[in-house]
Each structure stands twice: as C-alpha cells, then as structure tokens.
Amino acid sequence: MNAFGTRVVVYDPFVPPDAVVRADAEPVDFDTLLAESDFVSLHAAVTDASKGLINADTLARMRPGACLVNTARAPWWTRRL
C-alpha cells in the first residue's frame, strides 16, 4: 500500500514496534487504528484474548464509512465439516 502513497498503520500486541517500522508501517494503539483507518483488516487467531475483540462498541469507534475486512476464522469446534 505504501507504493500508492497510503498511510499504513498497524496494531499488533505481539509484534515489537520497531519491527512494524522496518516493514514501512506505523505502529499505533488499537483505539487509534479504529479511529483513523478507512479499512481495517483483521487477522486474529481465536484465543481467549481475541474473543470479543470486534463488537458493537469497537465498530462504533470506527470512522463513518470505514470497512472491516475480517479474515479471521471461527474456532475449529464451531465449523461444520
């Protein structure tokens, strides 16, 4: 996205900020990510910490017209085979 002149912000509690910067992105906290992003791409594994990460409150904190792209998967025990 940088090639298109896009500001890329990243919230990842498990990746050190300097690694985000080396990847040509800007580390931000979760609230900043929600408030300033036109597109939020979610890639969270299902864990106790990520359950409920996106809910009505977090969606309400996103910019008007922002788009959430949820690439996360449901836990394996809830999927039909």
PDB file of N, CA and C in Angstrom:
ATOM      1  N   MET A   1       0.812  -1.195   0.000  1.00  0.00           N
ATOM      2  CA  MET A   1       0.000   0.000   0.000  1.00  0.00           C
ATOM      3  C   MET A   1       0.859   1.264   0.000  1.00  0.00           C
ATOM      4  N   ASN A   2       2.063   1.153   0.523  1.00  0.00           N
ATOM      5  CA  ASN A   2       2.951   2.318   0.543  1.00  0.00           C
ATOM      6  C   ASN A   2       3.233   2.838  -0.862  1.00  0.00           C
ATOM      7  N   ALA A   3       3.284   1.952  -1.833  1.00  0.00           N
ATOM      8  CA  ALA A   3       3.554   2.360  -3.212  1.00  0.00           C
ATOM      9  C   ALA A   3       2.458   3.277  -3.754  1.00  0.00           C
ATOM     10  N   PHE A   4       1.273   3.208  -3.178  1.00  0.00           N
ATOM     11  CA  PHE A   4       0.160   4.050  -3.584  1.00  0.00           C
ATOM     12  C   PHE A   4       0.057   5.315  -2.734  1.00  0.00           C
ATOM     13  N   GLY A   5       1.048   5.539  -1.865  1.00  0.00           N
ATOM     14  CA  GLY A   5       1.033   6.718  -1.014  1.00  0.00           C
ATOM     15  C   GLY A   5       0.084   6.603   0.157  1.00  0.00           C
ATOM     16  N   THR A   6      -0.258   5.395   0.515  1.00  0.00           N
ATOM     17  CA  THR A   6      -1.196   5.145   1.601  1.00  0.00           C
ATOM     18  C   THR A   6      -0.469   5.075   2.931  1.00  0.00           C
ATOM     19  N   ARG A   7      -1.034   5.671   3.929  1.00  0.00           N
ATOM     20  CA  ARG A   7      -0.510   5.533   5.293  1.00  0.00           C
ATOM     21  C   ARG A   7      -0.951   4.169   5.814  1.00  0.00           C
ATOM     22  N   VAL A   8      -0.003   3.363   6.232  1.00  0.00           N
ATOM     23  CA  VAL A   8      -0.297   2.032   6.758  1.00  0.00           C
ATOM     24  C   VAL A   8      -0.024   2.046   8.257  1.00  0.00           C
ATOM     25  N   VAL A   9      -1.071   1.778   9.032  1.00  0.00           N
ATOM     26  CA  VAL A   9      -0.930   1.706  10.490  1.00  0.00           C
ATOM     27  C   VAL A   9      -1.177   0.277  10.932  1.00  0.00           C
ATOM     28  N   VAL A  10      -0.502  -0.117  12.004  1.00  0.00           N
ATOM     29  CA  VAL A  10      -0.579  -1.495  12.479  1.00  0.00           C
ATOM     30  C   VAL A  10      -0.771  -1.507  13.986  1.00  0.00           C
ATOM     31  N   TYR A  11      -1.731  -2.317  14.422  1.00  0.00           N
ATOM     32  CA  TYR A  11      -1.847  -2.640  15.841  1.00  0.00           C
ATOM     33  C   TYR A  11      -1.638  -4.141  15.952  1.00  0.00           C
ATOM     34  N   ASP A  12      -0.619  -4.539  16.658  1.00  0.00           N
ATOM     35  CA  ASP A  12      -0.364  -5.956  16.923  1.00  0.00           C
ATOM     36  C   ASP A  12       0.354  -6.039  18.251  1.00  0.00           C
ATOM     37  N   PRO A  13      -0.320  -6.540  19.273  1.00  0.00           N
ATOM     38  CA  PRO A  13       0.303  -6.581  20.603  1.00  0.00           C
ATOM     39  C   PRO A  13       1.474  -7.552  20.698  1.00  0.00           C
ATOM     40  N   PHE A  14       1.685  -8.377  19.672  1.00  0.00           N
ATOM     41  CA  PHE A  14       2.739  -9.381  19.723  1.00  0.00           C
ATOM     42  C   PHE A  14       3.955  -9.042  18.861  1.00  0.00           C
ATOM     43  N   VAL A  15       3.866  -7.984  18.065  1.00  0.00           N
ATOM     44  CA  VAL A  15       4.971  -7.587  17.192  1.00  0.00           C
ATOM     45  C   VAL A  15       5.588  -6.313  17.758  1.00  0.00           C
ATOM     46  N   PRO A  16       6.911  -6.303  17.971  1.00  0.00           N
ATOM     47  CA  PRO A  16       7.559  -5.097  18.507  1.00  0.00           C
ATOM     48  C   PRO A  16       7.400  -3.911  17.552  1.00  0.00           C
ATOM     49  N   PRO A  17       7.216  -2.707  18.095  1.00  0.00           N
ATOM     50  CA  PRO A  17       7.046  -1.521  17.244  1.00  0.00           C
ATOM     51  C   PRO A  17       8.159  -1.325  16.222  1.00  0.00           C
ATOM     52  N   ASP A  18       9.404  -1.649  16.594  1.00  0.00           N
ATOM     53  CA  ASP A  18      10.496  -1.459  15.634  1.00  0.00           C
ATOM     54  C   ASP A  18      10.356  -2.397  14.432  1.00  0.00           C
ATOM     55  N   ALA A  19       9.773  -3.562  14.630  1.00  0.00           N
ATOM     56  CA  ALA A  19       9.544  -4.479  13.512  1.00  0.00           C
ATOM     57  C   ALA A  19       8.467  -3.924  12.574  1.00  0.00           C
ATOM     58  N   VAL A  20       7.468  -3.275  13.137  1.00  0.00           N
ATOM     59  CA  VAL A  20       6.427  -2.648  12.323  1.00  0.00           C
ATOM     60  C   VAL A  20       7.034  -1.531  11.478  1.00  0.00           C
ATOM     61  N   VAL A  21       7.885  -0.723  12.092  1.00  0.00           N
ATOM     62  CA  VAL A  21       8.546   0.379  11.377  1.00  0.00           C
ATOM     63  C   VAL A  21       9.435  -0.165  10.259  1.00  0.00           C
ATOM     64  N   ARG A  22      10.161  -1.250  10.523  1.00  0.00           N
ATOM     65  CA  ARG A  22      11.013  -1.851   9.483  1.00  0.00           C
ATOM     66  C   ARG A  22      10.191  -2.362   8.302  1.00  0.00           C
ATOM     67  N   ALA A  23       8.919  -2.638   8.550  1.00  0.00           N
ATOM     68  CA  ALA A  23       8.024  -3.096   7.480  1.00  0.00           C
ATOM     69  C   ALA A  23       7.317  -1.914   6.805  1.00  0.00           C
ATOM     70  N   ASP A  24       7.846  -0.710   7.022  1.00  0.00           N
ATOM     71  CA  ASP A  24       7.298   0.513   6.424  1.00  0.00           C
ATOM     72  C   ASP A  24       5.867   0.803   6.840  1.00  0.00           C
ATOM     73  N   ALA A  25       5.565   0.545   8.099  1.00  0.00           N
ATOM     74  CA  ALA A  25       4.247   0.862   8.647  1.00  0.00           C
ATOM     75  C   ALA A  25       4.433   1.636   9.947  1.00  0.00           C
ATOM     76  N   GLU A  26       3.341   2.148  10.454  1.00  0.00           N
ATOM     77  CA  GLU A  26       3.364   2.949  11.670  1.00  0.00           C
ATOM     78  C   GLU A  26       2.652   2.196  12.791  1.00  0.00           C
ATOM     79  N   PRO A  27       3.351   1.888  13.881  1.00  0.00           N
ATOM     80  CA  PRO A  27       2.674   1.214  14.991  1.00  0.00           C
ATOM     81  C   PRO A  27       1.739   2.189  15.719  1.00  0.00           C
ATOM     82  N   VAL A  28       0.527   1.743  16.003  1.00  0.00           N
ATOM     83  CA  VAL A  28      -0.448   2.559  16.722  1.00  0.00           C
ATOM     84  C   VAL A  28      -1.174   1.683  17.733  1.00  0.00           C
ATOM     85  N   ASP A  29      -1.863   2.322  18.667  1.00  0.00           N
ATOM     86  CA  ASP A  29      -2.681   1.541  19.600  1.00  0.00           C
ATOM     87  C   ASP A  29      -4.017   1.202  18.926  1.00  0.00           C
ATOM     88  N   PHE A  30      -4.762   0.319  19.549  1.00  0.00           N
ATOM     89  CA  PHE A  30      -6.000  -0.192  18.955  1.00  0.00           C
ATOM     90  C   PHE A  30      -7.012   0.923  18.724  1.00  0.00           C
ATOM     91  N   ASP A  31      -7.159   1.833  19.680  1.00  0.00           N
ATOM     92  CA  ASP A  31      -8.127   2.926  19.527  1.00  0.00           C
ATOM     93  C   ASP A  31      -7.765   3.828  18.351  1.00  0.00           C
ATOM     94  N   THR A  32      -6.474   4.123  18.172  1.00  0.00           N
ATOM     95  CA  THR A  32      -6.035   4.945  17.044  1.00  0.00           C
ATOM     96  C   THR A  32      -6.312   4.229  15.735  1.00  0.00           C
ATOM     97  N   LEU A  33      -6.028   2.942  15.689  1.00  0.00           N
ATOM     98  CA  LEU A  33      -6.293   2.164  14.486  1.00  0.00           C
ATOM     99  C   LEU A  33      -7.757   2.269  14.090  1.00  0.00           C
ATOM    100  N   LEU A  34      -8.644   2.080  15.053  1.00  0.00           N
ATOM    101  CA  LEU A  34     -10.081   2.142  14.759  1.00  0.00           C
ATOM    102  C   LEU A  34     -10.509   3.535  14.316  1.00  0.00           C
ATOM    103  N   ALA A  35     -10.020   4.559  15.009  1.00  0.00           N
ATOM    104  CA  ALA A  35     -10.467   5.930  14.760  1.00  0.00           C
ATOM    105  C   ALA A  35      -9.941   6.511  13.455  1.00  0.00           C
ATOM    106  N   GLU A  36      -8.775   6.056  12.990  1.00  0.00           N
ATOM    107  CA  GLU A  36      -8.126   6.706  11.853  1.00  0.00           C
ATOM    108  C   GLU A  36      -8.100   5.887  10.563  1.00  0.00           C
ATOM    109  N   SER A  37      -8.534   4.652  10.600  1.00  0.00           N
ATOM    110  CA  SER A  37      -8.428   3.783   9.421  1.00  0.00           C
ATOM    111  C   SER A  37      -9.686   3.818   8.565  1.00  0.00           C
ATOM    112  N   ASP A  38      -9.478   3.852   7.255  1.00  0.00           N
ATOM    113  CA  ASP A  38     -10.592   3.692   6.322  1.00  0.00           C
ATOM    114  C   ASP A  38     -10.898   2.214   6.102  1.00  0.00           C
ATOM    115  N   PHE A  39      -9.857   1.383   6.209  1.00  0.00           N
ATOM    116  CA  PHE A  39     -10.003  -0.068   6.098  1.00  0.00           C
ATOM    117  C   PHE A  39      -9.258  -0.708   7.258  1.00  0.00           C
ATOM    118  N   VAL A  40      -9.908  -1.643   7.923  1.00  0.00           N
ATOM    119  CA  VAL A  40      -9.273  -2.420   8.991  1.00  0.00           C
ATOM    120  C   VAL A  40      -9.313  -3.865   8.539  1.00  0.00           C
ATOM    121  N   SER A  41      -8.143  -4.474   8.453  1.00  0.00           N
ATOM    122  CA  SER A  41      -8.041  -5.874   8.066  1.00  0.00           C
ATOM    123  C   SER A  41      -7.693  -6.683   9.308  1.00  0.00           C
ATOM    124  N   LEU A  42      -8.576  -7.584   9.685  1.00  0.00           N
ATOM    125  CA  LEU A  42      -8.427  -8.366  10.918  1.00  0.00           C
ATOM    126  C   LEU A  42      -7.864  -9.742  10.594  1.00  0.00           C
ATOM    127  N   HIS A  43      -6.761 -10.094  11.273  1.00  0.00           N
ATOM    128  CA  HIS A  43      -6.098 -11.383  11.057  1.00  0.00           C
ATOM    129  C   HIS A  43      -5.821 -12.057  12.395  1.00  0.00           C
ATOM    130  N   ALA A  44      -6.748 -12.010  13.306  1.00  0.00           N
ATOM    131  CA  ALA A  44      -6.523 -12.507  14.667  1.00  0.00           C
ATOM    132  C   ALA A  44      -6.892 -13.985  14.783  1.00  0.00           C
ATOM    133  N   ALA A  45      -6.025 -14.731  15.433  1.00  0.00           N
ATOM    134  CA  ALA A  45      -6.346 -16.121  15.760  1.00  0.00           C
ATOM    135  C   ALA A  45      -7.370 -16.124  16.901  1.00  0.00           C
ATOM    136  N   VAL A  46      -8.151 -17.170  16.992  1.00  0.00           N
ATOM    137  CA  VAL A  46      -9.120 -17.268  18.072  1.00  0.00           C
ATOM    138  C   VAL A  46      -8.392 -17.701  19.350  1.00  0.00           C
ATOM    139  N   THR A  47      -8.337 -16.779  20.289  1.00  0.00           N
ATOM    140  CA  THR A  47      -7.755 -17.048  21.605  1.00  0.00           C
ATOM    141  C   THR A  47      -8.651 -16.391  22.649  1.00  0.00           C
ATOM    142  N   ASP A  48      -8.383 -16.673  23.909  1.00  0.00           N
ATOM    143  CA  ASP A  48      -9.144 -16.002  24.961  1.00  0.00           C
ATOM    144  C   ASP A  48      -8.972 -14.490  24.871  1.00  0.00           C
ATOM    145  N   ALA A  49      -7.777 -14.036  24.487  1.00  0.00           N
ATOM    146  CA  ALA A  49      -7.510 -12.597  24.394  1.00  0.00           C
ATOM    147  C   ALA A  49      -8.218 -11.948  23.211  1.00  0.00           C
ATOM    148  N   SER A  50      -8.470 -12.695  22.137  1.00  0.00           N
ATOM    149  CA  SER A  50      -9.081 -12.090  20.947  1.00  0.00           C
ATOM    150  C   SER A  50     -10.600 -12.240  20.898  1.00  0.00           C
ATOM    151  N   LYS A  51     -11.157 -13.066  21.761  1.00  0.00           N
ATOM    152  CA  LYS A  51     -12.614 -13.214  21.776  1.00  0.00           C
ATOM    153  C   LYS A  51     -13.247 -11.880  22.131  1.00  0.00           C
ATOM    154  N   GLY A  52     -14.199 -11.454  21.336  1.00  0.00           N
ATOM    155  CA  GLY A  52     -14.877 -10.186  21.582  1.00  0.00           C
ATOM    156  C   GLY A  52     -14.071  -8.966  21.177  1.00  0.00           C
ATOM    157  N   LEU A  53     -12.946  -9.167  20.475  1.00  0.00           N
ATOM    158  CA  LEU A  53     -12.114  -8.041  20.045  1.00  0.00           C
ATOM    159  C   LEU A  53     -12.922  -7.060  19.199  1.00  0.00           C
ATOM    160  N   ILE A  54     -13.728  -7.583  18.299  1.00  0.00           N
ATOM    161  CA  ILE A  54     -14.609  -6.751  17.488  1.00  0.00           C
ATOM    162  C   ILE A  54     -16.034  -6.991  17.965  1.00  0.00           C
ATOM    163  N   ASN A  55     -16.663  -5.914  18.391  1.00  0.00           N
ATOM    164  CA  ASN A  55     -18.041  -5.985  18.881  1.00  0.00           C
ATOM    165  C   ASN A  55     -18.734  -4.674  18.521  1.00  0.00           C
ATOM    166  N   ALA A  56     -19.936  -4.468  19.017  1.00  0.00           N
ATOM    167  CA  ALA A  56     -20.687  -3.252  18.683  1.00  0.00           C
ATOM    168  C   ALA A  56     -19.931  -1.996  19.109  1.00  0.00           C
ATOM    169  N   ASP A  57     -19.256  -2.038  20.247  1.00  0.00           N
ATOM    170  CA  ASP A  57     -18.511  -0.872  20.727  1.00  0.00           C
ATOM    171  C   ASP A  57     -17.341  -0.543  19.809  1.00  0.00           C
ATOM    172  N   THR A  58     -16.562  -1.552  19.427  1.00  0.00           N
ATOM    173  CA  THR A  58     -15.411  -1.278  18.560  1.00  0.00           C
ATOM    174  C   THR A  58     -15.862  -0.835  17.170  1.00  0.00           C
ATOM    175  N   LEU A  59     -16.934  -1.412  16.659  1.00  0.00           N
ATOM    176  CA  LEU A  59     -17.449  -0.975  15.365  1.00  0.00           C
ATOM    177  C   LEU A  59     -17.905   0.480  15.427  1.00  0.00           C
ATOM    178  N   ALA A  60     -18.497   0.880  16.539  1.00  0.00           N
ATOM    179  CA  ALA A  60     -18.959   2.264  16.704  1.00  0.00           C
ATOM    180  C   ALA A  60     -17.792   3.247  16.773  1.00  0.00           C
ATOM    181  N   ARG A  61     -16.612   2.776  17.176  1.00  0.00           N
ATOM    182  CA  ARG A  61     -15.439   3.649  17.262  1.00  0.00           C
ATOM    183  C   ARG A  61     -14.723   3.818  15.927  1.00  0.00           C
ATOM    184  N   MET A  62     -15.143   3.065  14.920  1.00  0.00           N
ATOM    185  CA  MET A  62     -14.536   3.201  13.595  1.00  0.00           C
ATOM    186  C   MET A  62     -15.074   4.438  12.893  1.00  0.00           C
ATOM    187  N   ARG A  63     -14.312   4.949  11.945  1.00  0.00           N
ATOM    188  CA  ARG A  63     -14.720   6.116  11.170  1.00  0.00           C
ATOM    189  C   ARG A  63     -16.011   5.818  10.405  1.00  0.00           C
ATOM    190  N   PRO A  64     -16.844   6.818  10.216  1.00  0.00           N
ATOM    191  CA  PRO A  64     -18.022   6.610   9.371  1.00  0.00           C
ATOM    192  C   PRO A  64     -17.569   6.188   7.962  1.00  0.00           C
ATOM    193  N   GLY A  65     -18.165   5.150   7.439  1.00  0.00           N
ATOM    194  CA  GLY A  65     -17.819   4.656   6.116  1.00  0.00           C
ATOM    195  C   GLY A  65     -16.629   3.716   6.079  1.00  0.00           C
ATOM    196  N   ALA A  66     -15.981   3.483   7.225  1.00  0.00           N
ATOM    197  CA  ALA A  66     -14.838   2.568   7.258  1.00  0.00           C
ATOM    198  C   ALA A  66     -15.308   1.140   6.996  1.00  0.00           C
ATOM    199  N   CYS A  67     -14.391   0.330   6.510  1.00  0.00           N
ATOM    200  CA  CYS A  67     -14.706  -1.049   6.133  1.00  0.00           C
ATOM    201  C   CYS A  67     -13.857  -2.010   6.970  1.00  0.00           C
ATOM    202  N   LEU A  68     -14.505  -3.007   7.553  1.00  0.00           N
ATOM    203  CA  LEU A  68     -13.803  -4.063   8.288  1.00  0.00           C
ATOM    204  C   LEU A  68     -13.704  -5.283   7.390  1.00  0.00           C
ATOM    205  N   VAL A  69     -12.480  -5.753   7.155  1.00  0.00           N
ATOM    206  CA  VAL A  69     -12.242  -6.962   6.376  1.00  0.00           C
ATOM    207  C   VAL A  69     -11.813  -8.028   7.376  1.00  0.00           C
ATOM    208  N   ASN A  70     -12.685  -8.966   7.628  1.00  0.00           N
ATOM    209  CA  ASN A  70     -12.422  -9.978   8.640  1.00  0.00           C
ATOM    210  C   ASN A  70     -11.921 -11.255   7.982  1.00  0.00           C
ATOM    211  N   THR A  71     -10.613 -11.487   8.063  1.00  0.00           N
ATOM    212  CA  THR A  71     -10.036 -12.704   7.511  1.00  0.00           C
ATOM    213  C   THR A  71      -9.813 -13.761   8.585  1.00  0.00           C
ATOM    214  N   ALA A  72     -10.186 -13.430   9.818  1.00  0.00           N
ATOM    215  CA  ALA A  72     -10.054 -14.392  10.915  1.00  0.00           C
ATOM    216  C   ALA A  72     -11.078 -15.511  10.720  1.00  0.00           C
ATOM    217  N   ARG A  73     -10.755 -16.671  11.259  1.00  0.00           N
ATOM    218  CA  ARG A  73     -11.653 -17.813  11.123  1.00  0.00           C
ATOM    219  C   ARG A  73     -12.297 -18.126  12.451  1.00  0.00           C
ATOM    220  N   ALA A  74     -13.464 -18.725  12.382  1.00  0.00           N
ATOM    221  CA  ALA A  74     -14.136 -19.186  13.590  1.00  0.00           C
ATOM    222  C   ALA A  74     -13.330 -20.329  14.200  1.00  0.00           C
ATOM    223  N   PRO A  75     -13.478 -20.559  15.489  1.00  0.00           N
ATOM    224  CA  PRO A  75     -12.759 -21.690  16.094  1.00  0.00           C
ATOM    225  C   PRO A  75     -13.178 -23.001  15.423  1.00  0.00           C
ATOM    226  N   TRP A  76     -12.246 -23.910  15.335  1.00  0.00           N
ATOM    227  CA  TRP A  76     -12.496 -25.165  14.612  1.00  0.00           C
ATOM    228  C   TRP A  76     -13.690 -25.925  15.167  1.00  0.00           C
ATOM    229  N   TRP A  77     -13.975 -25.784  16.447  1.00  0.00           N
ATOM    230  CA  TRP A  77     -15.057 -26.560  17.041  1.00  0.00           C
ATOM    231  C   TRP A  77     -16.435 -26.010  16.695  1.00  0.00           C
ATOM    232  N   THR A  78     -16.502 -24.834  16.046  1.00  0.00           N
ATOM    233  CA  THR A  78     -17.814 -24.289  15.649  1.00  0.00           C
ATOM    234  C   THR A  78     -18.097 -24.476  14.177  1.00  0.00           C
ATOM    235  N   ARG A  79     -17.116 -24.960  13.411  1.00  0.00           N
ATOM    236  CA  ARG A  79     -17.303 -25.130  11.962  1.00  0.00           C
ATOM    237  C   ARG A  79     -17.926 -26.487  11.660  1.00  0.00           C
ATOM    238  N   ARG A  80     -18.751 -26.497  10.662  1.00  0.00           N
ATOM    239  CA  ARG A  80     -19.308 -27.761  10.189  1.00  0.00           C
ATOM    240  C   ARG A  80     -18.327 -28.421   9.248  1.00  0.00           C
ATOM    241  N   LEU A  81     -18.256 -29.695   9.302  1.00  0.00           N
ATOM    242  CA  LEU A  81     -17.364 -30.436   8.404  1.00  0.00           C
ATOM    243  C   LEU A  81     -18.089 -30.909   7.178  1.00  0.00           C
TER     244      LEU A  81
END
